Amino acid sequence: GGVYHVTAGLQARFGLDRVFDTLLDETTILGMAQGAGLLGFLP
């Protein structure tokens, strides 16, 4: 739920495919966001 608990409860409510943990790499996090946004998701 986040280091400061800002995202607490989101995964339980919306599922693993919409609220998920990533590997420890900011480049990958932002790459995932770009790909998802390009296809019509709102990351």
PDB file of all heavy atoms in Angstrom:
ATOM      1  N   GLY A   1       0.798  -1.224   0.000  1.00  0.00           N
ATOM      2  CA  GLY A   1       0.000   0.000   0.000  1.00  0.00           C
ATOM      3  C   GLY A   1       0.824   1.263   0.000  1.00  0.00           C
ATOM      4  O   GLY A   1       0.324   2.341   0.355  1.00  0.00           O
ATOM      5  N   GLY A   2       2.081   1.168  -0.427  1.00  0.00           N
ATOM      6  CA  GLY A   2       2.943   2.336  -0.501  1.00  0.00           C
ATOM      7  C   GLY A   2       3.755   2.538   0.760  1.00  0.00           C
ATOM      8  O   GLY A   2       3.337   2.167   1.863  1.00  0.00           O
ATOM      9  N   VAL A   3       4.926   3.124   0.606  1.00  0.00           N
ATOM     10  CA  VAL A   3       5.794   3.396   1.747  1.00  0.00           C
ATOM     11  C   VAL A   3       5.082   4.278   2.765  1.00  0.00           C
ATOM     12  O   VAL A   3       5.276   4.140   3.977  1.00  0.00           O
ATOM     13  CB  VAL A   3       7.102   4.056   1.263  1.00  0.00           C
ATOM     14  CG1 VAL A   3       7.952   4.504   2.441  1.00  0.00           C
ATOM     15  CG2 VAL A   3       7.894   3.091   0.393  1.00  0.00           C
ATOM     16  N   TYR A   4       4.246   5.188   2.305  1.00  0.00           N
ATOM     17  CA  TYR A   4       3.519   6.092   3.188  1.00  0.00           C
ATOM     18  C   TYR A   4       2.023   5.763   3.230  1.00  0.00           C
ATOM     19  O   TYR A   4       1.209   6.585   3.627  1.00  0.00           O
ATOM     20  CB  TYR A   4       3.744   7.546   2.747  1.00  0.00           C
ATOM     21  CG  TYR A   4       5.202   7.944   2.845  1.00  0.00           C
ATOM     22  CD1 TYR A   4       6.029   7.901   1.723  1.00  0.00           C
ATOM     23  CD2 TYR A   4       5.763   8.323   4.056  1.00  0.00           C
ATOM     24  CE1 TYR A   4       7.372   8.238   1.807  1.00  0.00           C
ATOM     25  CE2 TYR A   4       7.099   8.667   4.151  1.00  0.00           C
ATOM     26  CZ  TYR A   4       7.898   8.616   3.032  1.00  0.00           C
ATOM     27  OH  TYR A   4       9.237   8.947   3.129  1.00  0.00           O
ATOM     28  N   HIS A   5       1.681   4.561   2.764  1.00  0.00           N
ATOM     29  CA  HIS A   5       0.306   4.029   2.816  1.00  0.00           C
ATOM     30  C   HIS A   5      -0.689   4.846   1.989  1.00  0.00           C
ATOM     31  O   HIS A   5      -1.887   4.807   2.233  1.00  0.00           O
ATOM     32  CB  HIS A   5      -0.177   3.931   4.271  1.00  0.00           C
ATOM     33  CG  HIS A   5       0.774   3.164   5.148  1.00  0.00           C
ATOM     34  ND1 HIS A   5       1.008   1.819   4.987  1.00  0.00           N
ATOM     35  CD2 HIS A   5       1.595   3.582   6.160  1.00  0.00           C
ATOM     36  CE1 HIS A   5       1.915   1.424   5.879  1.00  0.00           C
ATOM     37  NE2 HIS A   5       2.290   2.472   6.592  1.00  0.00           N
ATOM     38  N   VAL A   6      -0.182   5.550   0.977  1.00  0.00           N
ATOM     39  CA  VAL A   6      -1.063   6.363   0.139  1.00  0.00           C
ATOM     40  C   VAL A   6      -1.903   5.487  -0.790  1.00  0.00           C
ATOM     41  O   VAL A   6      -3.013   5.858  -1.164  1.00  0.00           O
ATOM     42  CB  VAL A   6      -0.238   7.392  -0.663  1.00  0.00           C
ATOM     43  CG1 VAL A   6      -1.134   8.215  -1.585  1.00  0.00           C
ATOM     44  CG2 VAL A   6       0.514   8.314   0.291  1.00  0.00           C
ATOM     45  N   THR A   7      -1.406   4.310  -1.137  1.00  0.00           N
ATOM     46  CA  THR A   7      -2.160   3.423  -2.038  1.00  0.00           C
ATOM     47  C   THR A   7      -2.771   2.242  -1.285  1.00  0.00           C
ATOM     48  O   THR A   7      -3.157   1.244  -1.904  1.00  0.00           O
ATOM     49  CB  THR A   7      -1.248   2.904  -3.170  1.00  0.00           C
ATOM     50  OG1 THR A   7      -0.120   2.237  -2.594  1.00  0.00           O
ATOM     51  CG2 THR A   7      -0.775   4.041  -4.053  1.00  0.00           C
ATOM     52  N   ALA A   8      -2.878   2.363   0.015  1.00  0.00           N
ATOM     53  CA  ALA A   8      -3.421   1.269   0.826  1.00  0.00           C
ATOM     54  C   ALA A   8      -4.833   0.902   0.381  1.00  0.00           C
ATOM     55  O   ALA A   8      -5.679   1.769   0.142  1.00  0.00           O
ATOM     56  CB  ALA A   8      -3.425   1.668   2.302  1.00  0.00           C
ATOM     57  N   GLY A   9      -5.080  -0.389   0.266  1.00  0.00           N
ATOM     58  CA  GLY A   9      -6.412  -0.892  -0.047  1.00  0.00           C
ATOM     59  C   GLY A   9      -6.775  -0.916  -1.513  1.00  0.00           C
ATOM     60  O   GLY A   9      -7.787  -1.514  -1.897  1.00  0.00           O
ATOM     61  N   LEU A  10      -5.967  -0.288  -2.372  1.00  0.00           N
ATOM     62  CA  LEU A  10      -6.322  -0.209  -3.794  1.00  0.00           C
ATOM     63  C   LEU A  10      -6.239  -1.577  -4.462  1.00  0.00           C
ATOM     64  O   LEU A  10      -7.122  -1.948  -5.252  1.00  0.00           O
ATOM     65  CB  LEU A  10      -5.404   0.778  -4.518  1.00  0.00           C
ATOM     66  CG  LEU A  10      -5.538   2.262  -4.148  1.00  0.00           C
ATOM     67  CD1 LEU A  10      -4.509   3.088  -4.908  1.00  0.00           C
ATOM     68  CD2 LEU A  10      -6.942   2.770  -4.449  1.00  0.00           C
ATOM     69  N   GLN A  11      -5.190  -2.326  -4.179  1.00  0.00           N
ATOM     70  CA  GLN A  11      -5.045  -3.619  -4.831  1.00  0.00           C
ATOM     71  C   GLN A  11      -6.144  -4.583  -4.403  1.00  0.00           C
ATOM     72  O   GLN A  11      -6.695  -5.326  -5.226  1.00  0.00           O
ATOM     73  CB  GLN A  11      -3.671  -4.219  -4.534  1.00  0.00           C
ATOM     74  CG  GLN A  11      -3.367  -5.474  -5.341  1.00  0.00           C
ATOM     75  CD  GLN A  11      -1.973  -6.006  -5.081  1.00  0.00           C
ATOM     76  OE1 GLN A  11      -1.740  -6.702  -4.095  1.00  0.00           O
ATOM     77  NE2 GLN A  11      -1.035  -5.660  -5.963  1.00  0.00           N
ATOM     78  N   ALA A  12      -6.478  -4.569  -3.122  1.00  0.00           N
ATOM     79  CA  ALA A  12      -7.540  -5.456  -2.635  1.00  0.00           C
ATOM     80  C   ALA A  12      -8.876  -5.131  -3.300  1.00  0.00           C
ATOM     81  O   ALA A  12      -9.684  -6.023  -3.577  1.00  0.00           O
ATOM     82  CB  ALA A  12      -7.663  -5.340  -1.120  1.00  0.00           C
ATOM     83  N   ARG A  13      -9.099  -3.855  -3.586  1.00  0.00           N
ATOM     84  CA  ARG A  13     -10.384  -3.442  -4.148  1.00  0.00           C
ATOM     85  C   ARG A  13     -10.437  -3.594  -5.656  1.00  0.00           C
ATOM     86  O   ARG A  13     -11.479  -3.932  -6.219  1.00  0.00           O
ATOM     87  CB  ARG A  13     -10.678  -1.996  -3.744  1.00  0.00           C
ATOM     88  CG  ARG A  13     -12.047  -1.486  -4.154  1.00  0.00           C
ATOM     89  CD  ARG A  13     -12.477  -0.331  -3.283  1.00  0.00           C
ATOM     90  NE  ARG A  13     -12.918  -0.770  -1.961  1.00  0.00           N
ATOM     91  CZ  ARG A  13     -13.108   0.043  -0.914  1.00  0.00           C
ATOM     92  NH1 ARG A  13     -12.864   1.322  -1.040  1.00  0.00           N
ATOM     93  NH2 ARG A  13     -13.515  -0.430   0.235  1.00  0.00           N
ATOM     94  N   PHE A  14      -9.319  -3.362  -6.356  1.00  0.00           N
ATOM     95  CA  PHE A  14      -9.358  -3.319  -7.820  1.00  0.00           C
ATOM     96  C   PHE A  14      -8.563  -4.430  -8.503  1.00  0.00           C
ATOM     97  O   PHE A  14      -8.594  -4.526  -9.731  1.00  0.00           O
ATOM     98  CB  PHE A  14      -8.884  -1.946  -8.315  1.00  0.00           C
ATOM     99  CG  PHE A  14      -9.767  -0.814  -7.847  1.00  0.00           C
ATOM    100  CD1 PHE A  14      -9.366   0.005  -6.798  1.00  0.00           C
ATOM    101  CD2 PHE A  14     -11.007  -0.597  -8.427  1.00  0.00           C
ATOM    102  CE1 PHE A  14     -10.175   1.041  -6.356  1.00  0.00           C
ATOM    103  CE2 PHE A  14     -11.827   0.429  -7.987  1.00  0.00           C
ATOM    104  CZ  PHE A  14     -11.414   1.249  -6.943  1.00  0.00           C
ATOM    105  N   GLY A  15      -7.856  -5.235  -7.751  1.00  0.00           N
ATOM    106  CA  GLY A  15      -7.230  -6.407  -8.331  1.00  0.00           C
ATOM    107  C   GLY A  15      -5.781  -6.213  -8.740  1.00  0.00           C
ATOM    108  O   GLY A  15      -5.282  -5.100  -8.903  1.00  0.00           O
ATOM    109  N   LEU A  16      -5.109  -7.360  -8.938  1.00  0.00           N
ATOM    110  CA  LEU A  16      -3.679  -7.377  -9.230  1.00  0.00           C
ATOM    111  C   LEU A  16      -3.332  -6.828 -10.605  1.00  0.00           C
ATOM    112  O   LEU A  16      -2.191  -6.421 -10.841  1.00  0.00           O
ATOM    113  CB  LEU A  16      -3.155  -8.813  -9.119  1.00  0.00           C
ATOM    114  CG  LEU A  16      -3.093  -9.404  -7.708  1.00  0.00           C
ATOM    115  CD1 LEU A  16      -2.883 -10.906  -7.787  1.00  0.00           C
ATOM    116  CD2 LEU A  16      -1.976  -8.755  -6.912  1.00  0.00           C
ATOM    117  N   ASP A  17      -4.277  -6.844 -11.541  1.00  0.00           N
ATOM    118  CA  ASP A  17      -3.970  -6.367 -12.886  1.00  0.00           C
ATOM    119  C   ASP A  17      -4.136  -4.859 -13.035  1.00  0.00           C
ATOM    120  O   ASP A  17      -3.704  -4.288 -14.032  1.00  0.00           O
ATOM    121  CB  ASP A  17      -4.844  -7.082 -13.925  1.00  0.00           C
ATOM    122  CG  ASP A  17      -4.164  -8.322 -14.474  1.00  0.00           C
ATOM    123  OD1 ASP A  17      -2.946  -8.262 -14.707  1.00  0.00           O
ATOM    124  OD2 ASP A  17      -4.838  -9.349 -14.631  1.00  0.00           O
ATOM    125  N   ARG A  18      -4.764  -4.223 -12.044  1.00  0.00           N
ATOM    126  CA  ARG A  18      -4.934  -2.770 -12.139  1.00  0.00           C
ATOM    127  C   ARG A  18      -4.099  -2.012 -11.111  1.00  0.00           C
ATOM    128  O   ARG A  18      -3.816  -0.824 -11.303  1.00  0.00           O
ATOM    129  CB  ARG A  18      -6.413  -2.394 -11.983  1.00  0.00           C
ATOM    130  CG  ARG A  18      -7.298  -2.950 -13.107  1.00  0.00           C
ATOM    131  CD  ARG A  18      -8.675  -2.326 -13.079  1.00  0.00           C
ATOM    132  NE  ARG A  18      -8.619  -0.898 -13.264  1.00  0.00           N
ATOM    133  CZ  ARG A  18      -9.569  -0.048 -12.837  1.00  0.00           C
ATOM    134  NH1 ARG A  18     -10.629  -0.517 -12.197  1.00  0.00           N
ATOM    135  NH2 ARG A  18      -9.447   1.242 -13.050  1.00  0.00           N
ATOM    136  N   VAL A  19      -3.720  -2.683 -10.050  1.00  0.00           N
ATOM    137  CA  VAL A  19      -2.857  -2.084  -9.030  1.00  0.00           C
ATOM    138  C   VAL A  19      -1.760  -3.102  -8.739  1.00  0.00           C
ATOM    139  O   VAL A  19      -2.022  -4.155  -8.162  1.00  0.00           O
ATOM    140  CB  VAL A  19      -3.640  -1.749  -7.747  1.00  0.00           C
ATOM    141  CG1 VAL A  19      -2.709  -1.103  -6.722  1.00  0.00           C
ATOM    142  CG2 VAL A  19      -4.824  -0.832  -8.046  1.00  0.00           C
ATOM    143  N   PHE A  20      -0.541  -2.804  -9.164  1.00  0.00           N
ATOM    144  CA  PHE A  20       0.478  -3.843  -9.082  1.00  0.00           C
ATOM    145  C   PHE A  20       1.852  -3.272  -8.761  1.00  0.00           C
ATOM    146  O   PHE A  20       2.155  -2.106  -9.045  1.00  0.00           O
ATOM    147  CB  PHE A  20       0.537  -4.657 -10.379  1.00  0.00           C
ATOM    148  CG  PHE A  20       0.696  -3.838 -11.634  1.00  0.00           C
ATOM    149  CD1 PHE A  20       1.948  -3.586 -12.167  1.00  0.00           C
ATOM    150  CD2 PHE A  20      -0.419  -3.328 -12.300  1.00  0.00           C
ATOM    151  CE1 PHE A  20       2.094  -2.835 -13.335  1.00  0.00           C
ATOM    152  CE2 PHE A  20      -0.283  -2.588 -13.468  1.00  0.00           C
ATOM    153  CZ  PHE A  20       0.973  -2.339 -13.989  1.00  0.00           C
ATOM    154  N   ASP A  21       2.654  -4.131  -8.153  1.00  0.00           N
ATOM    155  CA  ASP A  21       4.033  -3.785  -7.831  1.00  0.00           C
ATOM    156  C   ASP A  21       4.924  -4.036  -9.044  1.00  0.00           C
ATOM    157  O   ASP A  21       4.699  -4.964  -9.819  1.00  0.00           O
ATOM    158  CB  ASP A  21       4.534  -4.632  -6.660  1.00  0.00           C
ATOM    159  CG  ASP A  21       3.807  -4.311  -5.367  1.00  0.00           C
ATOM    160  OD1 ASP A  21       3.615  -3.118  -5.078  1.00  0.00           O
ATOM    161  OD2 ASP A  21       3.435  -5.259  -4.642  1.00  0.00           O
ATOM    162  N   THR A  22       5.928  -3.210  -9.184  1.00  0.00           N
ATOM    163  CA  THR A  22       6.897  -3.363 -10.271  1.00  0.00           C
ATOM    164  C   THR A  22       8.247  -3.762  -9.695  1.00  0.00           C
ATOM    165  O   THR A  22       8.457  -3.751  -8.479  1.00  0.00           O
ATOM    166  CB  THR A  22       7.067  -2.050 -11.046  1.00  0.00           C
ATOM    167  OG1 THR A  22       7.663  -1.079 -10.164  1.00  0.00           O
ATOM    168  CG2 THR A  22       5.737  -1.525 -11.557  1.00  0.00           C
ATOM    169  N   LEU A  23       9.155  -4.088 -10.568  1.00  0.00           N
ATOM    170  CA  LEU A  23      10.524  -4.313 -10.111  1.00  0.00           C
ATOM    171  C   LEU A  23      11.145  -2.971  -9.711  1.00  0.00           C
ATOM    172  O   LEU A  23      10.596  -1.901  -9.977  1.00  0.00           O
ATOM    173  CB  LEU A  23      11.343  -5.014 -11.189  1.00  0.00           C
ATOM    174  CG  LEU A  23      11.418  -4.399 -12.599  1.00  0.00           C
ATOM    175  CD1 LEU A  23      12.437  -3.292 -12.666  1.00  0.00           C
ATOM    176  CD2 LEU A  23      11.753  -5.466 -13.608  1.00  0.00           C
ATOM    177  N   LEU A  24      12.279  -3.042  -9.089  1.00  0.00           N
ATOM    178  CA  LEU A  24      12.914  -1.854  -8.521  1.00  0.00           C
ATOM    179  C   LEU A  24      13.713  -1.127  -9.600  1.00  0.00           C
ATOM    180  O   LEU A  24      14.933  -1.196  -9.653  1.00  0.00           O
ATOM    181  CB  LEU A  24      13.835  -2.267  -7.366  1.00  0.00           C
ATOM    182  CG  LEU A  24      14.326  -1.145  -6.455  1.00  0.00           C
ATOM    183  CD1 LEU A  24      13.222  -0.693  -5.516  1.00  0.00           C
ATOM    184  CD2 LEU A  24      15.537  -1.617  -5.638  1.00  0.00           C
ATOM    185  N   ASP A  25      13.004  -0.427 -10.475  1.00  0.00           N
ATOM    186  CA  ASP A  25      13.683   0.274 -11.565  1.00  0.00           C
ATOM    187  C   ASP A  25      12.756   1.338 -12.124  1.00  0.00           C
ATOM    188  O   ASP A  25      11.730   1.030 -12.735  1.00  0.00           O
ATOM    189  CB  ASP A  25      14.098  -0.705 -12.668  1.00  0.00           C
ATOM    190  CG  ASP A  25      14.779  -0.004 -13.825  1.00  0.00           C
ATOM    191  OD1 ASP A  25      15.710   0.776 -13.576  1.00  0.00           O
ATOM    192  OD2 ASP A  25      14.367  -0.225 -14.976  1.00  0.00           O
ATOM    193  N   GLU A  26      13.130   2.595 -11.925  1.00  0.00           N
ATOM    194  CA  GLU A  26      12.272   3.696 -12.371  1.00  0.00           C
ATOM    195  C   GLU A  26      12.176   3.771 -13.888  1.00  0.00           C
ATOM    196  O   GLU A  26      11.143   4.176 -14.432  1.00  0.00           O
ATOM    197  CB  GLU A  26      12.795   5.027 -11.805  1.00  0.00           C
ATOM    198  CG  GLU A  26      12.539   5.217 -10.324  1.00  0.00           C
ATOM    199  CD  GLU A  26      13.407   4.335  -9.435  1.00  0.00           C
ATOM    200  OE1 GLU A  26      14.524   3.961  -9.882  1.00  0.00           O
ATOM    201  OE2 GLU A  26      12.985   4.017  -8.302  1.00  0.00           O
ATOM    202  N   THR A  27      13.243   3.392 -14.594  1.00  0.00           N
ATOM    203  CA  THR A  27      13.188   3.371 -16.051  1.00  0.00           C
ATOM    204  C   THR A  27      12.098   2.418 -16.523  1.00  0.00           C
ATOM    205  O   THR A  27      11.313   2.736 -17.431  1.00  0.00           O
ATOM    206  CB  THR A  27      14.547   2.944 -16.631  1.00  0.00           C
ATOM    207  OG1 THR A  27      15.517   3.954 -16.323  1.00  0.00           O
ATOM    208  CG2 THR A  27      14.478   2.760 -18.137  1.00  0.00           C
ATOM    209  N   THR A  28      12.018   1.257 -15.908  1.00  0.00           N
ATOM    210  CA  THR A  28      10.986   0.295 -16.267  1.00  0.00           C
ATOM    211  C   THR A  28       9.597   0.802 -15.904  1.00  0.00           C
ATOM    212  O   THR A  28       8.642   0.648 -16.679  1.00  0.00           O
ATOM    213  CB  THR A  28      11.255  -1.051 -15.572  1.00  0.00           C
ATOM    214  OG1 THR A  28      12.472  -1.598 -16.080  1.00  0.00           O
ATOM    215  CG2 THR A  28      10.130  -2.031 -15.818  1.00  0.00           C
ATOM    216  N   ILE A  29       9.466   1.419 -14.738  1.00  0.00           N
ATOM    217  CA  ILE A  29       8.161   1.944 -14.323  1.00  0.00           C
ATOM    218  C   ILE A  29       7.631   2.931 -15.358  1.00  0.00           C
ATOM    219  O   ILE A  29       6.471   2.857 -15.787  1.00  0.00           O
ATOM    220  CB  ILE A  29       8.264   2.615 -12.940  1.00  0.00           C
ATOM    221  CG1 ILE A  29       8.553   1.569 -11.858  1.00  0.00           C
ATOM    222  CG2 ILE A  29       6.980   3.377 -12.601  1.00  0.00           C
ATOM    223  CD1 ILE A  29       8.903   2.168 -10.499  1.00  0.00           C
ATOM    224  N   LEU A  30       8.492   3.854 -15.786  1.00  0.00           N
ATOM    225  CA  LEU A  30       8.044   4.861 -16.748  1.00  0.00           C
ATOM    226  C   LEU A  30       7.893   4.266 -18.141  1.00  0.00           C
ATOM    227  O   LEU A  30       7.059   4.726 -18.930  1.00  0.00           O
ATOM    228  CB  LEU A  30       9.018   6.037 -16.751  1.00  0.00           C
ATOM    229  CG  LEU A  30       9.047   6.818 -15.429  1.00  0.00           C
ATOM    230  CD1 LEU A  30      10.134   7.881 -15.446  1.00  0.00           C
ATOM    231  CD2 LEU A  30       7.689   7.449 -15.142  1.00  0.00           C
ATOM    232  N   GLY A  31       8.680   3.255 -18.472  1.00  0.00           N
ATOM    233  CA  GLY A  31       8.478   2.552 -19.733  1.00  0.00           C
ATOM    234  C   GLY A  31       7.148   1.833 -19.754  1.00  0.00           C
ATOM    235  O   GLY A  31       6.418   1.853 -20.763  1.00  0.00           O
ATOM    236  N   MET A  32       6.789   1.178 -18.655  1.00  0.00           N
ATOM    237  CA  MET A  32       5.487   0.522 -18.546  1.00  0.00           C
ATOM    238  C   MET A  32       4.361   1.541 -18.725  1.00  0.00           C
ATOM    239  O   MET A  32       3.350   1.264 -19.377  1.00  0.00           O
ATOM    240  CB  MET A  32       5.358  -0.158 -17.188  1.00  0.00           C
ATOM    241  CG  MET A  32       6.250  -1.357 -17.005  1.00  0.00           C
ATOM    242  SD  MET A  32       5.692  -2.757 -17.986  1.00  0.00           S
ATOM    243  CE  MET A  32       6.923  -3.980 -17.533  1.00  0.00           C
ATOM    244  N   ALA A  33       4.538   2.713 -18.145  1.00  0.00           N
ATOM    245  CA  ALA A  33       3.512   3.750 -18.251  1.00  0.00           C
ATOM    246  C   ALA A  33       3.347   4.215 -19.696  1.00  0.00           C
ATOM    247  O   ALA A  33       2.221   4.395 -20.183  1.00  0.00           O
ATOM    248  CB  ALA A  33       3.872   4.929 -17.346  1.00  0.00           C
ATOM    249  N   GLN A  34       4.453   4.414 -20.388  1.00  0.00           N
ATOM    250  CA  GLN A  34       4.364   4.864 -21.777  1.00  0.00           C
ATOM    251  C   GLN A  34       3.650   3.845 -22.654  1.00  0.00           C
ATOM    252  O   GLN A  34       2.777   4.196 -23.452  1.00  0.00           O
ATOM    253  CB  GLN A  34       5.761   5.125 -22.329  1.00  0.00           C
ATOM    254  CG  GLN A  34       6.455   6.320 -21.718  1.00  0.00           C
ATOM    255  CD  GLN A  34       7.882   6.421 -22.174  1.00  0.00           C
ATOM    256  OE1 GLN A  34       8.170   6.844 -23.300  1.00  0.00           O
ATOM    257  NE2 GLN A  34       8.811   6.037 -21.317  1.00  0.00           N
ATOM    258  N   GLY A  35       4.040   2.581 -22.511  1.00  0.00           N
ATOM    259  CA  GLY A  35       3.404   1.547 -23.322  1.00  0.00           C
ATOM    260  C   GLY A  35       1.931   1.429 -23.042  1.00  0.00           C
ATOM    261  O   GLY A  35       1.104   1.307 -23.963  1.00  0.00           O
ATOM    262  N   ALA A  36       1.558   1.467 -21.761  1.00  0.00           N
ATOM    263  CA  ALA A  36       0.144   1.363 -21.400  1.00  0.00           C
ATOM    264  C   ALA A  36      -0.641   2.558 -21.916  1.00  0.00           C
ATOM    265  O   ALA A  36      -1.743   2.414 -22.469  1.00  0.00           O
ATOM    266  CB  ALA A  36       0.013   1.248 -19.881  1.00  0.00           C
ATOM    267  N   GLY A  37      -0.074   3.760 -21.755  1.00  0.00           N
ATOM    268  CA  GLY A  37      -0.769   4.956 -22.229  1.00  0.00           C
ATOM    269  C   GLY A  37      -0.936   4.965 -23.735  1.00  0.00           C
ATOM    270  O   GLY A  37      -1.974   5.385 -24.254  1.00  0.00           O
ATOM    271  N   LEU A  38       0.071   4.499 -24.439  1.00  0.00           N
ATOM    272  CA  LEU A  38       0.020   4.465 -25.900  1.00  0.00           C
ATOM    273  C   LEU A  38      -1.123   3.587 -26.399  1.00  0.00           C
ATOM    274  O   LEU A  38      -1.742   3.875 -27.428  1.00  0.00           O
ATOM    275  CB  LEU A  38       1.354   3.950 -26.433  1.00  0.00           C
ATOM    276  CG  LEU A  38       1.589   3.974 -27.936  1.00  0.00           C
ATOM    277  CD1 LEU A  38       1.574   5.391 -28.457  1.00  0.00           C
ATOM    278  CD2 LEU A  38       2.924   3.310 -28.258  1.00  0.00           C
ATOM    279  N   LEU A  39      -1.431   2.531 -25.658  1.00  0.00           N
ATOM    280  CA  LEU A  39      -2.475   1.591 -26.081  1.00  0.00           C
ATOM    281  C   LEU A  39      -3.864   1.962 -25.587  1.00  0.00           C
ATOM    282  O   LEU A  39      -4.831   1.271 -25.904  1.00  0.00           O
ATOM    283  CB  LEU A  39      -2.122   0.183 -25.602  1.00  0.00           C
ATOM    284  CG  LEU A  39      -0.996  -0.517 -26.366  1.00  0.00           C
ATOM    285  CD1 LEU A  39      -0.715  -1.877 -25.760  1.00  0.00           C
ATOM    286  CD2 LEU A  39      -1.332  -0.668 -27.841  1.00  0.00           C
ATOM    287  N   GLY A  40      -3.985   3.014 -24.804  1.00  0.00           N
ATOM    288  CA  GLY A  40      -5.315   3.449 -24.377  1.00  0.00           C
ATOM    289  C   GLY A  40      -5.599   3.326 -22.901  1.00  0.00           C
ATOM    290  O   GLY A  40      -6.673   3.736 -22.433  1.00  0.00           O
ATOM    291  N   PHE A  41      -4.672   2.768 -22.143  1.00  0.00           N
ATOM    292  CA  PHE A  41      -4.819   2.788 -20.691  1.00  0.00           C
ATOM    293  C   PHE A  41      -4.529   4.194 -20.170  1.00  0.00           C
ATOM    294  O   PHE A  41      -3.982   5.041 -20.881  1.00  0.00           O
ATOM    295  CB  PHE A  41      -3.849   1.794 -20.039  1.00  0.00           C
ATOM    296  CG  PHE A  41      -4.260   0.355 -20.153  1.00  0.00           C
ATOM    297  CD1 PHE A  41      -3.600  -0.498 -21.023  1.00  0.00           C
ATOM    298  CD2 PHE A  41      -5.304  -0.149 -19.384  1.00  0.00           C
ATOM    299  CE1 PHE A  41      -3.964  -1.835 -21.134  1.00  0.00           C
ATOM    300  CE2 PHE A  41      -5.674  -1.490 -19.486  1.00  0.00           C
ATOM    301  CZ  PHE A  41      -5.014  -2.328 -20.361  1.00  0.00           C
ATOM    302  N   LEU A  42      -4.881   4.427 -18.914  1.00  0.00           N
ATOM    303  CA  LEU A  42      -4.550   5.696 -18.276  1.00  0.00           C
ATOM    304  C   LEU A  42      -3.679   5.379 -17.053  1.00  0.00           C
ATOM    305  O   LEU A  42      -4.183   5.170 -15.949  1.00  0.00           O
ATOM    306  CB  LEU A  42      -5.816   6.451 -17.865  1.00  0.00           C
ATOM    307  CG  LEU A  42      -5.666   7.975 -17.852  1.00  0.00           C
ATOM    308  CD1 LEU A  42      -7.011   8.653 -17.802  1.00  0.00           C
ATOM    309  CD2 LEU A  42      -4.789   8.445 -16.719  1.00  0.00           C
ATOM    310  N   PRO A  43      -2.375   5.304 -17.263  1.00  0.00           N
ATOM    311  CA  PRO A  43      -1.483   4.891 -16.185  1.00  0.00           C
ATOM    312  C   PRO A  43      -1.230   5.997 -15.161  1.00  0.00           C
ATOM    313  O   PRO A  43      -1.085   7.176 -15.511  1.00  0.00           O
ATOM    314  CB  PRO A  43      -0.192   4.517 -16.914  1.00  0.00           C
ATOM    315  CG  PRO A  43      -0.252   5.256 -18.206  1.00  0.00           C
ATOM    316  CD  PRO A  43      -1.694   5.442 -18.553  1.00  0.00           C
TER     317      PRO A  43
END
